[in-house]
Amino acid sequence: MSRHAAPQAGPLNRPIRRALRRDPRPLLRLGAWSVAETAPALVIGLAIARAIDEGFAAGRPGAGFAWLAVLAGAWLVAAVGARQVVLAVASIVEPFREELLGHVVENTLERSAASGRGPDTAAVARSNLQVELARDAFASVITVVRSFVFTVVSVVLGLTTLIPQVLVLVLPPFVVGLGLFLLSLPAMARRQRAFLLADERTAESVTAMAGGLRDISACVAHDRVAGRIGLRVAEQAGAGRSLARVTAVRTLSLAVGGRLPVLLVLAGTPWLLSQGAGAGVILGALAYITQSLAPALGNLVEGLGISGVRLRVSLGRILRADGPARPVIGRDAARDAEVLLNGVTFAYGPHAEPVIADLDLRVPEGDHIAVVGPSGIGKSTLAALVTGVLQPDAGQILVGGVRADRLDPAHRVLIPQEAYIFRGSLRENLTYLAQASQDAVDDAVAAVGLTAVVARLGGYSAEIHSGMLSPGERQLVALTRAYLTPARLVILDEATCHLDPAAEARAEEAFARRGGTLLVIAHRLTSALRARRVLVMDGTSVRLGEHEEMLAASPLYADLVGHWNPSTTQELVP
């Protein structure tokens, strides 16, 4: 089922039906205590009418206070009943919750067994939240529907006892208002669900954007990400407007069902007086409508319109459970880091020219490739696509046989031009992506060329922050951090641009000796000369081969080599 498709009613209703049919005794208790809770709805109008007509208006204040005492007693009974109703609802709802939790646990275990990995604790937490939402929504729906039914019955009985003729003025508009709401409920449920989903999609997009700001900046993906989030915001705004339109029908149903009867009773007062009604009867009828009937309709509209929709959405999430487990490569399961691109096309926007068009590329495990080309040609875009930060508009990208966007992050590492350093110890900055021994840290520091920086700072325990280090030192810290990870695929996106040529050579050679697949977005031509093969991007074609092959096959590369002076630090920008 598509994520956006409406769930089928049958499967969603089964847990509700089982909860209501599991044991009839809680339902019987709920019904009995509901009678007590709605006692004021039965006697309020009658007590007010008798207190006025037979008490205070007749010069018998004692009788008037006696009838008011009856009403007060009904409220005391209702208070006791309300407490017992909560307990009765809980005895129905808690088994419902336990059944949903059992489904979540069973589904999680099945997904864990199917994927061969540990349980997805984040998914379990999200599912548990959905269970709690479903439990609360189910309790709210039971409460408002039960209260509505018992209140309406009580009001009808009270008005019949008071003066049956008033039912002609009260029931028709009430039934019409209720009918309007029930007719609008399916559309309201669909639009409320659409709004909730749009809100979640917007929150997911914003959260993903906030968590990937560094990668977005490194890949110059600002416009594309802003466009996607803007689309989500526009979708949510449209869903909100659509929901607001159907909510107007809800307001109309409340006006017709809860307010119009009051006007009709007031307008029909002369007729009611001719039928033998007194002032007390008129006030009693108005009390039935304003204090019992209209609030019951309002609670029903609010409860079903919000809690009912939330119940269906939560049940849909729980029972679908996101489908089968998706295979990903973990640290232990990774066999290789072969990179394979088949017909990959990518553009920053639906009307923009493709940055990469119909690209086929194979980078075997253990290969060392330098990517060269002028600025803005798409080198960083290619890096973002291979690491799954961006997804292609067409084609497929596989790393070790797994789609790049579904690859375990532990299997690849991307180092952008601007290295990230957080406030903390140097050791924490070096090892937060991997559990490394002291010997491993020392070896990595020596291999990458960070030894002098460690000495200057006073050792691994030194507290550092970004402002304490030069751009080149920050890059060395990031390179050492990546060197310590178990990732088999390493992509250096101009990650050595602030290093001098000797330091750059040392770092790149360390990664080449480290093993795995290495892609270097070249900042200087020397990076291309050190690589096993060179990938030249010139905007019209993409060519891959060894240095000598590229001199013959790529005019751009030949031009770069022809203008290169080994004694300079010339960048690869023609």
Protein backbone atom coordinates (compact mmCIF):
# COMPACT_ATOMS: atom_id res chain seq x y z
CA MET A 1 0.00 0.00 0.00
CA SER A 2 1.26 3.46 -0.81
CA ARG A 3 2.15 5.64 2.12
CA HIS A 4 -0.41 8.20 1.00
CA ALA A 5 -3.20 5.75 0.27
CA ALA A 6 -6.12 5.63 2.64
CA PRO A 7 -6.11 2.51 4.78
CA GLN A 8 -8.85 -0.06 4.34
CA ALA A 9 -11.60 0.21 6.96
CA GLY A 10 -11.89 -3.55 7.58
CA PRO A 11 -8.43 -4.25 9.01
CA LEU A 12 -8.50 -1.05 11.05
CA ASN A 13 -11.88 -1.87 12.59
CA ARG A 14 -10.93 -5.38 13.68
CA PRO A 15 -8.95 -4.35 16.80
CA ILE A 16 -11.80 -2.04 17.80
CA ARG A 17 -14.42 -4.76 17.35
CA ARG A 18 -12.31 -7.24 19.32
CA ALA A 19 -11.88 -4.73 22.14
CA LEU A 20 -15.63 -4.16 22.38
CA ARG A 21 -16.56 -7.85 22.11
CA ARG A 22 -13.78 -9.32 24.25
CA ASP A 23 -15.72 -9.17 27.52
CA PRO A 24 -19.31 -7.87 27.81
CA ARG A 25 -19.02 -7.07 31.51
CA PRO A 26 -17.05 -3.80 31.10
CA LEU A 27 -19.63 -2.67 28.55
CA LEU A 28 -22.47 -3.44 30.94
CA ARG A 29 -20.72 -1.54 33.73
CA LEU A 30 -20.09 1.33 31.36
CA GLY A 31 -23.76 1.47 30.43
CA ALA A 32 -24.96 1.33 34.04
CA TRP A 33 -22.64 4.07 35.24
CA SER A 34 -23.41 6.16 32.14
CA VAL A 35 -27.03 6.30 33.33
CA ALA A 36 -25.77 7.74 36.60
CA GLU A 37 -23.40 10.15 34.89
CA THR A 38 -26.14 11.55 32.63
CA ALA A 39 -28.68 11.91 35.45
CA PRO A 40 -28.46 15.74 35.31
CA ALA A 41 -29.33 15.64 31.60
CA LEU A 42 -32.55 13.81 32.54
CA VAL A 43 -33.69 16.01 35.45
CA ILE A 44 -32.24 19.48 34.76
CA GLY A 45 -35.12 20.86 32.72
CA LEU A 46 -37.80 19.11 34.77
CA ALA A 47 -36.30 20.33 38.08
CA ILE A 48 -36.04 23.93 36.85
CA ALA A 49 -39.59 23.90 35.46
CA ARG A 50 -41.09 22.47 38.68
CA ALA A 51 -39.00 24.73 40.90
CA ILE A 52 -40.39 27.78 39.09
CA ASP A 53 -43.99 26.78 38.30
CA GLU A 54 -44.74 24.79 41.45
CA GLY A 55 -42.33 26.53 43.81
CA PHE A 56 -41.18 30.08 43.53
CA ALA A 57 -43.89 31.35 41.11
CA ALA A 58 -46.59 29.68 43.23
CA GLY A 59 -45.32 31.25 46.44
CA ARG A 60 -43.89 27.97 47.74
CA PRO A 61 -40.13 28.54 48.02
CA GLY A 62 -39.71 25.31 49.98
CA ALA A 63 -40.95 23.30 47.02
CA GLY A 64 -38.71 25.30 44.71
CA PHE A 65 -35.61 24.58 46.82
CA ALA A 66 -36.62 20.95 47.07
CA TRP A 67 -36.60 20.60 43.30
CA LEU A 68 -33.23 22.36 43.12
CA ALA A 69 -31.99 19.91 45.75
CA VAL A 70 -33.08 17.08 43.45
CA LEU A 71 -30.95 18.64 40.69
CA ALA A 72 -28.00 18.97 43.09
CA GLY A 73 -28.39 15.33 44.05
CA ALA A 74 -28.33 14.39 40.37
CA TRP A 75 -25.00 16.21 40.03
CA LEU A 76 -23.58 14.29 43.00
CA VAL A 77 -24.69 11.01 41.44
CA ALA A 78 -23.14 12.14 38.15
CA ALA A 79 -19.80 12.83 39.89
CA VAL A 80 -19.70 9.28 41.25
CA GLY A 81 -20.77 7.92 37.88
CA ALA A 82 -18.08 9.91 36.04
CA ARG A 83 -15.35 8.28 38.13
CA GLN A 84 -16.71 4.82 37.49
CA VAL A 85 -17.11 5.56 33.78
CA VAL A 86 -13.38 6.36 33.57
CA LEU A 87 -12.56 3.01 35.19
CA ALA A 88 -14.96 1.16 32.88
CA VAL A 89 -13.47 2.83 29.79
CA ALA A 90 -9.98 1.91 31.01
CA SER A 91 -10.99 -1.75 31.38
CA ILE A 92 -11.92 -1.70 27.67
CA VAL A 93 -9.06 0.42 26.39
CA GLU A 94 -6.11 -1.16 28.21
CA PRO A 95 -6.58 -4.64 26.63
CA PHE A 96 -6.86 -2.82 23.30
CA ARG A 97 -3.52 -1.15 24.01
CA GLU A 98 -1.91 -4.45 25.03
CA GLU A 99 -3.02 -6.07 21.79
CA LEU A 100 -1.47 -3.25 19.75
CA LEU A 101 1.76 -3.44 21.75
CA GLY A 102 1.88 -7.18 21.12
CA HIS A 103 1.53 -6.51 17.40
CA VAL A 104 4.41 -3.99 17.54
CA VAL A 105 6.71 -6.40 19.40
CA GLU A 106 5.90 -9.30 17.08
CA ASN A 107 6.39 -7.17 13.98
CA THR A 108 9.70 -5.80 15.30
CA LEU A 109 11.03 -9.29 16.00
CA GLU A 110 10.02 -10.48 12.54
CA ARG A 111 11.72 -7.50 10.88
CA SER A 112 14.83 -8.02 13.00
CA ALA A 113 15.00 -11.70 12.07
CA ALA A 114 14.41 -10.94 8.38
CA SER A 115 17.14 -8.28 8.22
CA GLY A 116 19.66 -10.14 10.38
CA ARG A 117 20.24 -6.99 12.42
CA GLY A 118 19.25 -5.87 15.88
CA PRO A 119 15.82 -4.38 16.53
CA ASP A 120 15.26 -0.89 15.16
CA THR A 121 14.83 0.90 18.50
CA ALA A 122 13.83 4.15 16.83
CA ALA A 123 11.05 2.39 14.93
CA VAL A 124 9.91 0.70 18.14
CA ALA A 125 9.77 4.07 19.90
CA ARG A 126 7.73 5.56 17.04
CA SER A 127 5.35 2.58 17.09
CA ASN A 128 4.92 2.83 20.85
CA LEU A 129 4.03 6.49 20.43
CA GLN A 130 1.41 5.51 17.84
CA VAL A 131 0.03 2.91 20.28
CA GLU A 132 -0.36 5.54 22.99
CA LEU A 133 -2.04 7.91 20.55
CA ALA A 134 -4.42 5.14 19.45
CA ARG A 135 -5.23 4.23 23.06
CA ASP A 136 -6.02 7.83 24.01
CA ALA A 137 -8.05 8.41 20.84
CA PHE A 138 -10.03 5.18 21.36
CA ALA A 139 -10.83 6.19 24.93
CA SER A 140 -11.96 9.62 23.74
CA VAL A 141 -14.19 8.14 21.03
CA ILE A 142 -15.84 5.72 23.46
CA THR A 143 -16.40 8.50 25.96
CA VAL A 144 -17.98 11.01 23.59
CA VAL A 145 -20.17 8.51 21.70
CA ARG A 146 -21.44 6.96 24.92
CA SER A 147 -22.10 10.37 26.46
CA PHE A 148 -23.92 11.56 23.33
CA VAL A 149 -26.23 8.55 23.16
CA PHE A 150 -27.18 8.58 26.84
CA THR A 151 -27.58 12.35 26.91
CA VAL A 152 -29.86 12.44 23.88
CA VAL A 153 -32.05 9.68 25.31
CA SER A 154 -32.21 11.49 28.65
CA VAL A 155 -33.13 14.80 27.02
CA VAL A 156 -35.87 13.21 24.91
CA LEU A 157 -37.33 11.51 27.99
CA GLY A 158 -37.11 14.74 29.99
CA LEU A 159 -38.78 16.85 27.28
CA THR A 160 -41.50 14.21 26.85
CA THR A 161 -42.20 14.34 30.58
CA LEU A 162 -42.09 18.13 30.58
CA ILE A 163 -44.21 18.88 27.50
CA PRO A 164 -44.21 16.51 24.51
CA GLN A 165 -45.19 19.25 22.03
CA VAL A 166 -41.76 20.89 22.37
CA LEU A 167 -40.19 17.89 20.64
CA VAL A 168 -41.66 19.17 17.36
CA LEU A 169 -39.53 22.30 17.70
CA VAL A 170 -36.36 20.60 18.98
CA LEU A 171 -35.89 17.24 17.28
CA PRO A 172 -36.14 18.18 13.54
CA PRO A 173 -33.29 20.75 13.52
CA PHE A 174 -31.26 18.54 15.85
CA VAL A 175 -31.60 15.56 13.50
CA VAL A 176 -30.75 17.76 10.50
CA GLY A 177 -27.62 19.12 12.24
CA LEU A 178 -26.54 15.61 13.25
CA GLY A 179 -27.13 14.38 9.70
CA LEU A 180 -25.03 17.20 8.22
CA PHE A 181 -22.15 16.27 10.51
CA LEU A 182 -22.39 12.53 9.78
CA LEU A 183 -22.50 13.20 6.04
CA SER A 184 -19.41 15.42 6.25
CA LEU A 185 -17.51 13.03 8.52
CA PRO A 186 -15.91 10.87 5.76
CA ALA A 187 -14.60 13.95 3.94
CA MET A 188 -13.51 15.49 7.23
CA ALA A 189 -11.68 12.29 8.18
CA ARG A 190 -9.87 12.17 4.84
CA ARG A 191 -8.81 15.79 4.99
CA GLN A 192 -7.84 15.63 8.65
CA ARG A 193 -5.72 12.59 7.87
CA ALA A 194 -4.20 14.34 4.85
CA PHE A 195 -3.33 17.34 7.02
CA LEU A 196 -1.73 15.16 9.71
CA LEU A 197 0.35 13.32 7.12
CA ALA A 198 1.36 16.58 5.43
CA ASP A 199 2.41 17.96 8.80
CA GLU A 200 4.50 14.85 9.48
CA ARG A 201 6.13 15.02 6.05
CA THR A 202 7.03 18.67 6.61
CA ALA A 203 8.48 17.85 10.03
CA GLU A 204 10.48 14.95 8.56
CA SER A 205 11.87 17.15 5.77
CA VAL A 206 12.84 19.95 8.13
CA THR A 207 14.42 17.50 10.58
CA ALA A 208 16.40 15.82 7.81
CA MET A 209 17.50 19.22 6.53
CA ALA A 210 18.61 20.37 9.99
CA GLY A 211 20.57 17.17 10.54
CA GLY A 212 22.32 17.44 7.19
CA LEU A 213 23.13 21.14 6.99
CA ARG A 214 26.84 20.45 6.75
CA ASP A 215 26.41 17.96 3.91
CA ILE A 216 23.95 20.27 2.13
CA SER A 217 26.45 23.11 2.31
CA ALA A 218 29.32 20.90 1.18
CA CYS A 219 27.32 19.61 -1.79
CA VAL A 220 25.93 23.05 -2.70
CA ALA A 221 22.43 21.58 -2.56
CA HIS A 222 20.76 24.63 -1.00
CA ASP A 223 18.33 25.35 -3.83
CA ARG A 224 17.25 21.74 -4.27
CA VAL A 225 16.69 21.16 -0.54
CA ALA A 226 14.88 24.50 -0.20
CA GLY A 227 12.66 23.55 -3.13
CA ARG A 228 11.77 20.20 -1.56
CA ILE A 229 10.96 21.73 1.82
CA GLY A 230 9.00 24.52 0.15
CA LEU A 231 6.95 21.89 -1.66
CA ARG A 232 6.21 20.16 1.65
CA VAL A 233 5.16 23.44 3.24
CA ALA A 234 2.90 24.24 0.28
CA GLU A 235 1.32 20.78 0.50
CA GLN A 236 0.64 21.27 4.20
CA ALA A 237 -0.85 24.72 3.58
CA GLY A 238 -3.13 23.28 0.90
CA ALA A 239 -4.20 20.46 3.20
CA GLY A 240 -4.92 23.01 5.93
CA ARG A 241 -7.10 25.10 3.64
CA SER A 242 -8.97 22.02 2.47
CA LEU A 243 -9.55 20.98 6.08
CA ALA A 244 -10.75 24.47 6.97
CA ARG A 245 -13.37 24.34 4.21
CA VAL A 246 -14.88 21.08 5.41
CA THR A 247 -14.67 22.32 9.01
CA ALA A 248 -17.17 25.02 8.03
CA VAL A 249 -19.73 22.24 7.54
CA ARG A 250 -19.05 21.13 11.11
CA THR A 251 -19.74 24.66 12.32
CA LEU A 252 -22.97 24.70 10.31
CA SER A 253 -24.10 21.39 11.80
CA LEU A 254 -23.52 22.74 15.32
CA ALA A 255 -25.50 25.88 14.50
CA VAL A 256 -28.42 23.93 13.05
CA GLY A 257 -28.48 21.14 15.64
CA GLY A 258 -27.59 23.08 18.78
CA ARG A 259 -28.57 26.71 18.26
CA LEU A 260 -31.58 26.61 15.95
CA PRO A 261 -33.72 24.63 18.48
CA VAL A 262 -33.25 27.49 20.98
CA LEU A 263 -34.54 30.03 18.45
CA LEU A 264 -37.46 27.80 17.52
CA VAL A 265 -38.46 27.33 21.18
CA LEU A 266 -38.30 31.07 21.77
CA ALA A 267 -40.26 31.78 18.58
CA GLY A 268 -42.76 29.08 19.47
CA THR A 269 -43.30 30.29 23.04
CA PRO A 270 -46.83 31.66 22.32
CA TRP A 271 -47.85 28.32 20.88
CA LEU A 272 -46.35 26.41 23.82
CA LEU A 273 -48.18 28.70 26.25
CA SER A 274 -51.42 27.93 24.43
CA GLN A 275 -50.65 24.24 24.96
CA GLY A 276 -50.52 24.74 28.72
CA ALA A 277 -46.83 25.44 29.21
CA GLY A 278 -45.80 27.92 31.88
CA ALA A 279 -42.71 30.08 32.16
CA GLY A 280 -40.95 27.32 34.08
CA VAL A 281 -41.62 24.81 31.28
CA ILE A 282 -40.15 27.19 28.69
CA LEU A 283 -37.04 27.74 30.79
CA GLY A 284 -36.79 24.01 31.48
CA ALA A 285 -36.93 23.23 27.75
CA LEU A 286 -34.23 25.81 27.07
CA ALA A 287 -32.10 24.28 29.84
CA TYR A 288 -32.40 20.84 28.24
CA ILE A 289 -31.21 22.27 24.93
CA THR A 290 -28.43 24.60 26.07
CA GLN A 291 -27.06 22.58 28.99
CA SER A 292 -27.37 19.04 27.65
CA LEU A 293 -28.34 18.61 24.00
CA ALA A 294 -26.09 21.23 22.35
CA PRO A 295 -22.98 20.33 24.44
CA ALA A 296 -23.50 16.64 23.66
CA LEU A 297 -23.61 17.39 19.93
CA GLY A 298 -20.55 19.64 20.20
CA ASN A 299 -18.59 16.96 22.05
CA LEU A 300 -19.56 14.37 19.45
CA VAL A 301 -18.47 16.60 16.59
CA GLU A 302 -15.19 17.41 18.31
CA GLY A 303 -14.51 13.86 19.43
CA LEU A 304 -15.23 12.07 16.17
CA GLY A 305 -13.79 14.85 14.04
CA ILE A 306 -10.42 14.84 15.82
CA SER A 307 -9.99 11.77 18.03
CA GLY A 308 -11.75 9.47 15.55
CA VAL A 309 -9.43 10.53 12.73
CA ARG A 310 -6.38 10.27 14.99
CA LEU A 311 -7.46 6.76 15.94
CA ARG A 312 -7.69 5.65 12.31
CA VAL A 313 -4.35 7.23 11.36
CA SER A 314 -2.56 5.67 14.34
CA LEU A 315 -4.07 2.24 13.70
CA GLY A 316 -3.06 2.50 10.06
CA ARG A 317 0.54 3.21 11.05
CA ILE A 318 0.64 0.39 13.60
CA LEU A 319 -0.99 -2.30 11.49
CA ARG A 320 0.99 -1.47 8.33
CA ALA A 321 4.26 -1.29 10.32
CA ASP A 322 6.10 0.16 7.29
CA GLY A 323 6.11 -3.10 5.32
CA PRO A 324 8.93 -5.62 5.07
CA ALA A 325 12.41 -4.96 6.34
CA ARG A 326 14.75 -3.31 3.85
CA PRO A 327 18.15 -4.88 3.38
CA VAL A 328 21.11 -2.69 4.28
CA ILE A 329 24.79 -3.37 4.61
CA GLY A 330 26.12 -3.20 8.15
CA ARG A 331 29.69 -3.03 9.40
CA ASP A 332 30.05 -6.80 9.68
CA ALA A 333 28.01 -7.68 6.58
CA ALA A 334 29.90 -5.46 4.13
CA ARG A 335 31.65 -7.54 1.47
CA ASP A 336 33.01 -4.79 -0.75
CA ALA A 337 32.59 -1.18 -1.72
CA GLU A 338 32.19 -1.47 -5.47
CA VAL A 339 30.40 1.62 -6.81
CA LEU A 340 28.08 1.12 -9.78
CA LEU A 341 26.11 3.88 -11.55
CA ASN A 342 23.60 2.89 -14.24
CA GLY A 343 22.04 5.65 -16.37
CA VAL A 344 22.23 8.23 -13.58
CA THR A 345 20.73 11.64 -14.28
CA PHE A 346 20.44 14.49 -11.77
CA ALA A 347 19.32 18.13 -11.97
CA TYR A 348 18.77 20.76 -9.27
CA GLY A 349 15.11 21.33 -10.04
CA PRO A 350 12.54 20.06 -12.55
CA HIS A 351 13.33 22.77 -15.14
CA ALA A 352 17.10 22.95 -14.66
CA GLU A 353 19.68 21.49 -17.00
CA PRO A 354 21.01 18.14 -15.72
CA VAL A 355 24.30 18.40 -13.87
CA ILE A 356 24.86 14.70 -14.55
CA ALA A 357 23.17 13.05 -17.53
CA ASP A 358 22.81 9.33 -18.23
CA LEU A 359 26.06 8.44 -16.46
CA ASP A 360 27.31 4.84 -16.43
CA LEU A 361 30.27 4.19 -14.16
CA ARG A 362 31.86 1.24 -12.37
CA VAL A 363 34.43 1.69 -9.61
CA PRO A 364 35.67 -1.72 -8.40
CA GLU A 365 36.42 -2.46 -4.77
CA GLY A 366 39.86 -1.16 -3.85
CA ASP A 367 40.08 1.30 -6.74
CA HIS A 368 41.58 4.79 -6.29
CA ILE A 369 39.99 7.39 -8.56
CA ALA A 370 40.56 11.13 -8.84
CA VAL A 371 37.67 13.19 -10.21
CA VAL A 372 38.79 16.28 -12.09
CA GLY A 373 37.03 19.06 -13.93
CA PRO A 374 36.27 22.79 -13.71
CA SER A 375 34.37 24.26 -10.76
CA GLY A 376 30.61 23.82 -10.91
CA ILE A 377 30.78 20.91 -13.35
CA GLY A 378 29.19 18.45 -10.89
CA LYS A 379 32.07 16.82 -9.00
CA SER A 380 30.57 17.45 -5.54
CA THR A 381 27.16 16.47 -6.87
CA LEU A 382 28.60 13.12 -7.94
CA ALA A 383 30.07 12.66 -4.44
CA ALA A 384 26.72 13.43 -2.83
CA LEU A 385 24.94 10.97 -5.13
CA VAL A 386 27.39 8.15 -4.42
CA THR A 387 27.03 8.64 -0.66
CA GLY A 388 23.22 8.81 -0.81
CA VAL A 389 23.00 12.45 0.32
CA LEU A 390 21.23 13.19 -2.97
CA GLN A 391 19.07 10.80 -4.96
CA PRO A 392 19.17 10.62 -8.76
CA ASP A 393 16.23 11.75 -10.87
CA ALA A 394 16.79 8.69 -13.06
CA GLY A 395 18.98 5.63 -12.96
CA GLN A 396 20.41 3.66 -10.07
CA ILE A 397 23.45 3.92 -7.79
CA LEU A 398 24.67 0.79 -5.99
CA VAL A 399 27.43 0.49 -3.41
CA GLY A 400 28.34 -3.10 -2.70
CA GLY A 401 25.11 -4.15 -4.41
CA VAL A 402 22.93 -1.92 -2.21
CA ARG A 403 21.20 1.31 -3.21
CA ALA A 404 23.34 4.24 -2.04
CA ASP A 405 20.50 5.88 -0.11
CA ARG A 406 19.84 2.62 1.79
CA LEU A 407 23.43 1.89 2.71
CA ASP A 408 24.43 1.72 6.35
CA PRO A 409 26.23 5.03 7.09
CA ALA A 410 29.03 3.03 8.73
CA HIS A 411 29.92 1.64 5.29
CA ARG A 412 30.92 4.97 3.71
CA VAL A 413 32.34 8.31 4.74
CA LEU A 414 32.26 11.66 2.92
CA ILE A 415 34.67 14.41 3.97
CA PRO A 416 33.61 17.81 2.57
CA GLN A 417 35.81 20.82 2.03
CA GLU A 418 34.82 22.48 5.31
CA ALA A 419 35.80 20.07 8.10
CA TYR A 420 33.52 19.77 11.13
CA ILE A 421 35.04 20.15 14.61
CA PHE A 422 32.90 20.17 17.74
CA ARG A 423 33.75 21.51 21.19
CA GLY A 424 35.29 18.67 23.19
CA SER A 425 38.54 16.80 23.60
CA LEU A 426 40.76 16.02 20.63
CA ARG A 427 40.28 12.30 21.35
CA GLU A 428 36.48 12.68 21.19
CA ASN A 429 36.76 14.52 17.88
CA LEU A 430 38.92 11.75 16.44
CA THR A 431 36.97 8.71 17.69
CA TYR A 432 33.31 9.65 17.76
CA LEU A 433 32.66 7.68 14.53
CA ALA A 434 34.55 4.57 15.67
CA GLN A 435 35.59 2.68 18.79
CA ALA A 436 39.39 2.77 18.38
CA SER A 437 42.19 1.68 20.65
CA GLN A 438 45.02 4.02 21.60
CA ASP A 439 47.39 2.19 19.27
CA ALA A 440 44.92 2.58 16.38
CA VAL A 441 44.58 6.30 17.10
CA ASP A 442 48.37 6.72 17.20
CA ASP A 443 48.76 4.85 13.91
CA ALA A 444 46.09 6.95 12.22
CA VAL A 445 47.58 10.21 13.50
CA ALA A 446 51.00 9.21 12.20
CA ALA A 447 49.68 8.00 8.85
CA VAL A 448 47.58 11.08 8.06
CA GLY A 449 50.11 13.60 9.41
CA LEU A 450 48.40 14.96 12.53
CA THR A 451 51.31 14.29 14.92
CA ALA A 452 52.53 17.89 15.07
CA VAL A 453 49.03 19.18 15.74
CA VAL A 454 48.57 16.72 18.62
CA ALA A 455 51.86 17.89 20.11
CA ARG A 456 50.97 21.57 19.72
CA LEU A 457 47.62 21.08 21.44
CA GLY A 458 49.15 19.17 24.34
CA GLY A 459 47.87 15.66 23.67
CA TYR A 460 44.59 13.88 23.00
CA SER A 461 42.92 15.18 26.17
CA ALA A 462 43.20 18.79 25.07
CA GLU A 463 39.85 20.58 24.84
CA ILE A 464 39.41 22.04 21.37
CA HIS A 465 36.90 23.95 19.29
CA SER A 466 36.83 25.07 15.69
CA GLY A 467 38.30 28.50 16.35
CA MET A 468 41.46 27.03 17.90
CA LEU A 469 42.51 25.30 14.69
CA SER A 470 43.52 26.56 11.29
CA PRO A 471 41.48 25.36 8.27
CA GLY A 472 44.27 22.91 7.39
CA GLU A 473 44.42 21.53 10.95
CA ARG A 474 40.66 21.06 10.96
CA GLN A 475 40.97 19.09 7.73
CA LEU A 476 43.67 16.87 9.24
CA VAL A 477 41.45 16.11 12.23
CA ALA A 478 38.56 15.21 9.92
CA LEU A 479 40.83 13.04 7.76
CA THR A 480 42.15 11.16 10.79
CA ARG A 481 38.60 10.67 12.04
CA ALA A 482 37.61 9.14 8.68
CA TYR A 483 40.76 7.01 8.61
CA LEU A 484 39.71 5.41 11.93
CA THR A 485 36.25 4.41 10.72
CA PRO A 486 35.54 0.92 9.35
CA ALA A 487 34.09 2.45 6.18
CA ARG A 488 35.15 0.68 2.99
CA LEU A 489 34.18 3.64 0.78
CA VAL A 490 35.91 6.98 1.39
CA ILE A 491 35.16 10.12 -0.64
CA LEU A 492 37.39 13.18 -0.21
CA ASP A 493 35.49 16.15 -1.64
CA GLU A 494 38.34 18.67 -1.82
CA ALA A 495 38.99 17.63 1.77
CA THR A 496 42.68 18.59 1.49
CA CYS A 497 42.32 21.99 -0.19
CA HIS A 498 43.75 23.85 2.85
CA LEU A 499 46.81 21.59 3.11
CA ASP A 500 50.13 22.25 1.44
CA PRO A 501 51.04 19.85 -1.40
CA ALA A 502 53.26 17.69 0.81
CA ALA A 503 50.60 17.28 3.54
CA GLU A 504 47.97 16.58 0.88
CA ALA A 505 50.12 13.88 -0.69
CA ARG A 506 50.77 12.25 2.67
CA ALA A 507 47.05 12.13 3.56
CA GLU A 508 45.94 10.78 0.19
CA GLU A 509 48.67 8.13 0.16
CA ALA A 510 47.62 7.06 3.67
CA PHE A 511 44.06 6.48 2.49
CA ALA A 512 45.30 4.62 -0.59
CA ARG A 513 47.30 2.25 1.66
CA ARG A 514 44.37 1.89 4.08
CA GLY A 515 42.38 -0.24 1.63
CA GLY A 516 38.85 0.03 0.36
CA THR A 517 37.55 2.26 -2.42
CA LEU A 518 38.84 5.84 -2.56
CA LEU A 519 37.30 8.68 -4.60
CA VAL A 520 39.13 12.00 -4.49
CA ILE A 521 37.48 15.16 -5.82
CA ALA A 522 40.79 16.61 -6.94
CA HIS A 523 41.85 20.10 -5.89
CA ARG A 524 45.28 19.89 -7.53
CA LEU A 525 46.55 17.94 -10.51
CA THR A 526 48.93 16.01 -8.23
CA SER A 527 45.88 14.20 -6.80
CA ALA A 528 45.11 12.91 -10.28
CA LEU A 529 48.71 11.79 -10.82
CA ARG A 530 48.64 9.79 -7.57
CA ALA A 531 45.35 8.06 -8.41
CA ARG A 532 45.10 4.70 -10.13
CA ARG A 533 42.59 6.13 -12.60
CA VAL A 534 41.22 9.56 -13.47
CA LEU A 535 37.57 10.51 -14.04
CA VAL A 536 37.36 13.67 -16.16
CA MET A 537 34.10 15.67 -16.09
CA ASP A 538 33.97 18.45 -18.67
CA GLY A 539 30.26 19.05 -19.13
CA THR A 540 29.95 17.30 -22.48
CA SER A 541 31.31 13.87 -21.60
CA VAL A 542 32.61 11.86 -18.67
CA ARG A 543 35.73 9.81 -19.33
CA LEU A 544 37.50 7.34 -17.05
CA GLY A 545 40.94 5.84 -17.49
CA GLU A 546 44.57 5.92 -16.46
CA HIS A 547 46.64 9.07 -16.72
CA GLU A 548 48.17 8.23 -20.11
CA GLU A 549 44.78 7.22 -21.55
CA MET A 550 43.21 10.50 -20.45
CA LEU A 551 45.98 12.55 -22.04
CA ALA A 552 44.95 11.06 -25.40
CA ALA A 553 41.20 10.81 -24.86
CA SER A 554 40.35 14.08 -23.05
CA PRO A 555 41.36 17.47 -24.49
CA LEU A 556 40.42 19.10 -21.18
CA TYR A 557 42.72 16.83 -19.20
CA ALA A 558 45.53 17.23 -21.72
CA ASP A 559 45.16 20.99 -21.48
CA LEU A 560 45.31 20.86 -17.67
CA VAL A 561 48.46 18.74 -17.77
CA GLY A 562 50.03 20.95 -20.43
CA HIS A 563 49.60 24.05 -18.30
CA TRP A 564 50.68 22.40 -15.06
CA ASN A 565 53.87 23.51 -13.39
CA PRO A 566 55.04 21.03 -10.72
CA SER A 567 56.62 23.84 -8.72
CA THR A 568 53.24 25.55 -8.19
CA THR A 569 50.07 24.61 -6.35
CA GLN A 570 47.86 25.19 -9.38
CA GLU A 571 44.25 24.25 -8.82
CA LEU A 572 42.23 22.22 -11.31
CA VAL A 573 40.25 25.19 -12.61
CA PRO A 574 41.11 26.03 -16.24
